[in-house]
Protein backbone atom coordinates (compact mmCIF):
# COMPACT_ATOMS: atom_id res chain seq x y z
CA UNK A 1 -0.13 0.10 0.10
CA UNK A 2 1.61 3.25 -0.91
CA UNK A 3 1.14 6.11 1.46
CA UNK A 4 1.78 9.74 0.69
CA UNK A 5 3.47 11.34 3.74
CA UNK A 6 5.20 14.79 3.65
CA UNK A 7 7.26 16.02 6.36
CA UNK A 8 8.45 19.70 6.48
CA UNK A 9 11.95 18.95 7.85
CA UNK A 10 15.07 20.64 9.21
CA UNK A 11 17.84 18.12 9.24
CA UNK A 12 19.54 20.21 12.01
CA UNK A 13 16.59 19.48 14.36
CA UNK A 14 16.82 16.30 16.56
CA UNK A 15 12.90 16.32 16.92
CA UNK A 16 12.70 16.55 13.15
CA UNK A 17 15.23 13.68 12.77
CA UNK A 18 13.37 11.60 15.17
CA UNK A 19 10.05 11.99 13.50
CA UNK A 20 11.55 11.18 10.10
CA UNK A 21 13.01 7.96 11.63
CA UNK A 22 9.57 6.97 13.22
CA UNK A 23 8.00 7.37 9.72
CA UNK A 24 10.56 5.32 8.12
CA UNK A 25 10.28 2.69 10.94
CA UNK A 26 6.61 2.21 9.76
CA UNK A 27 8.04 1.26 6.32
CA UNK A 28 7.10 4.48 4.74
CA UNK A 29 9.41 6.72 2.78
CA UNK A 30 7.96 10.31 2.98
CA UNK A 31 8.43 13.15 0.80
CA UNK A 32 11.02 15.19 2.65
CA UNK A 33 10.77 18.94 2.13
CA UNK A 34 13.53 21.01 3.67
CA UNK A 35 11.53 23.88 4.36
CA UNK A 36 14.51 26.13 4.97
CA UNK A 37 15.75 25.44 1.37
CA UNK A 38 12.09 25.22 -0.24
CA UNK A 39 9.46 27.04 1.89
CA UNK A 40 6.08 26.54 1.34
CA UNK A 41 4.12 29.15 -0.67
CA UNK A 42 1.95 31.48 1.62
CA UNK A 43 -1.33 29.87 0.52
CA UNK A 44 0.04 26.42 1.25
CA UNK A 45 1.38 27.46 4.74
CA UNK A 46 -2.01 29.01 5.58
CA UNK A 47 -3.87 25.76 4.38
CA UNK A 48 -1.41 23.68 6.40
CA UNK A 49 -1.95 25.72 9.69
CA UNK A 50 -5.79 25.55 9.03
CA UNK A 51 -5.88 21.57 8.40
CA UNK A 52 -3.70 21.22 11.53
CA UNK A 53 -6.27 22.95 13.66
CA UNK A 54 -3.80 25.53 14.78
CA UNK A 55 -3.34 29.29 14.63
CA UNK A 56 -0.17 30.96 13.11
CA UNK A 57 1.03 31.73 16.60
CA UNK A 58 0.91 28.04 17.39
CA UNK A 59 3.42 27.29 14.68
CA UNK A 60 5.53 30.12 15.28
CA UNK A 61 8.96 29.15 16.65
CA UNK A 62 10.82 31.35 18.89
CA UNK A 63 14.15 29.44 19.85
CA UNK A 64 16.96 30.19 17.60
CA UNK A 65 14.96 32.55 15.32
CA UNK A 66 14.44 36.41 14.83
CA UNK A 67 11.26 36.23 16.97
CA UNK A 68 12.09 38.68 19.53
CA UNK A 69 13.98 41.06 17.06
CA UNK A 70 10.98 41.22 14.91
CA UNK A 71 8.67 41.87 17.92
CA UNK A 72 6.58 38.72 17.21
CA UNK A 73 5.60 38.50 20.86
CA UNK A 74 3.30 41.45 20.40
CA UNK A 75 -0.18 39.84 20.74
CA UNK A 76 -1.87 42.53 18.77
CA UNK A 77 -0.21 41.27 15.63
CA UNK A 78 -2.65 39.78 13.24
CA UNK A 79 -2.65 36.18 11.74
CA UNK A 80 -1.59 37.62 8.42
CA UNK A 81 1.32 39.43 10.02
CA UNK A 82 2.51 36.21 11.64
CA UNK A 83 2.24 34.27 8.35
CA UNK A 84 4.01 37.13 6.43
CA UNK A 85 6.82 36.81 9.12
CA UNK A 86 7.12 33.01 8.63
CA UNK A 87 7.24 33.32 4.68
CA UNK A 88 10.05 35.98 5.06
CA UNK A 89 12.03 34.02 7.68
CA UNK A 90 11.10 30.34 7.30
CA UNK A 91 13.22 29.56 10.37
CA UNK A 92 10.15 30.91 12.19
CA UNK A 93 8.16 27.95 11.12
CA UNK A 94 8.04 25.32 13.80
CA UNK A 95 9.02 21.80 12.86
CA UNK A 96 8.43 19.20 12.14
CA UNK A 97 5.11 19.74 10.30
CA UNK A 98 3.71 16.44 9.01
CA UNK A 99 0.96 15.68 6.36
CA UNK A 100 -0.54 12.38 6.18
CA UNK A 101 -3.76 10.71 4.90
CA UNK A 102 -4.85 11.08 8.57
CA UNK A 103 -4.25 14.62 9.02
CA UNK A 104 -1.61 17.32 9.51
CA UNK A 105 0.09 17.86 12.75
CA UNK A 106 3.14 19.57 14.26
CA UNK A 107 4.99 16.59 15.56
CA UNK A 108 6.52 17.95 18.93
CA UNK A 109 7.32 15.78 20.61
CA UNK A 110 8.40 13.41 17.82
CA UNK A 111 6.04 10.56 19.03
CA UNK A 112 3.12 12.55 18.08
CA UNK A 113 3.69 11.25 14.50
CA UNK A 114 2.51 7.71 15.70
CA UNK A 115 -1.14 9.20 15.46
CA UNK A 116 -0.70 10.18 11.85
CA UNK A 117 0.73 6.94 10.52
CA UNK A 118 -1.55 4.44 8.91
CA UNK A 119 1.09 1.76 9.01
CA UNK A 120 2.41 0.13 12.12
CA UNK A 121 6.00 0.40 13.53
CA UNK A 122 8.02 -2.46 12.33
CA UNK A 123 10.45 -2.73 15.36
CA UNK A 124 11.97 -0.87 18.17
CA UNK A 125 12.85 2.82 17.89
CA UNK A 126 14.68 5.02 20.35
CA UNK A 127 15.18 8.70 19.87
CA UNK A 128 18.58 10.05 19.45
CA UNK A 129 18.95 10.65 23.08
CA UNK A 130 18.23 7.01 23.93
CA UNK A 131 14.47 7.42 25.01
CA UNK A 132 12.70 4.25 23.83
CA UNK A 133 9.56 5.18 21.95
CA UNK A 134 8.63 1.96 20.41
CA UNK A 135 9.50 -1.48 21.84
CA UNK A 136 10.69 -4.56 19.70
CA UNK A 137 7.07 -5.52 18.88
CA UNK A 138 6.33 -2.20 17.35
CA UNK A 139 4.06 -1.17 20.22
CA UNK A 140 4.34 2.44 21.43
CA UNK A 141 6.12 2.74 25.06
CA UNK A 142 3.96 4.67 27.41
């Protein structure tokens, strides 16, 4: 069964790498979009935010970004202004954002991807920090 999954990925981000690993551990090779190199168009970003049931502020990343310098903590800024900032500075888009047949979700923590995968995990998976997420039988560790 072919499954179409897209991950908006930053290879420098451990959470993003762990999410990608969990997708692959389910036997799925996703479409990987390195969004810092190929940012989504404005209309697509707005659609993804909407489909994820989020607001632009929910998707806004603060750490390691020009968030403070741009004054994005100002709660009077409109959603359009926040989206414009993410388009101008893609590093402001939090990651990893994943699109699957089961929905769209910001996968923080990385194991949130398990709710979007139509295929079971094929074996054990541990995060880069050693935290076991899936056991040898492919079951989520709680």
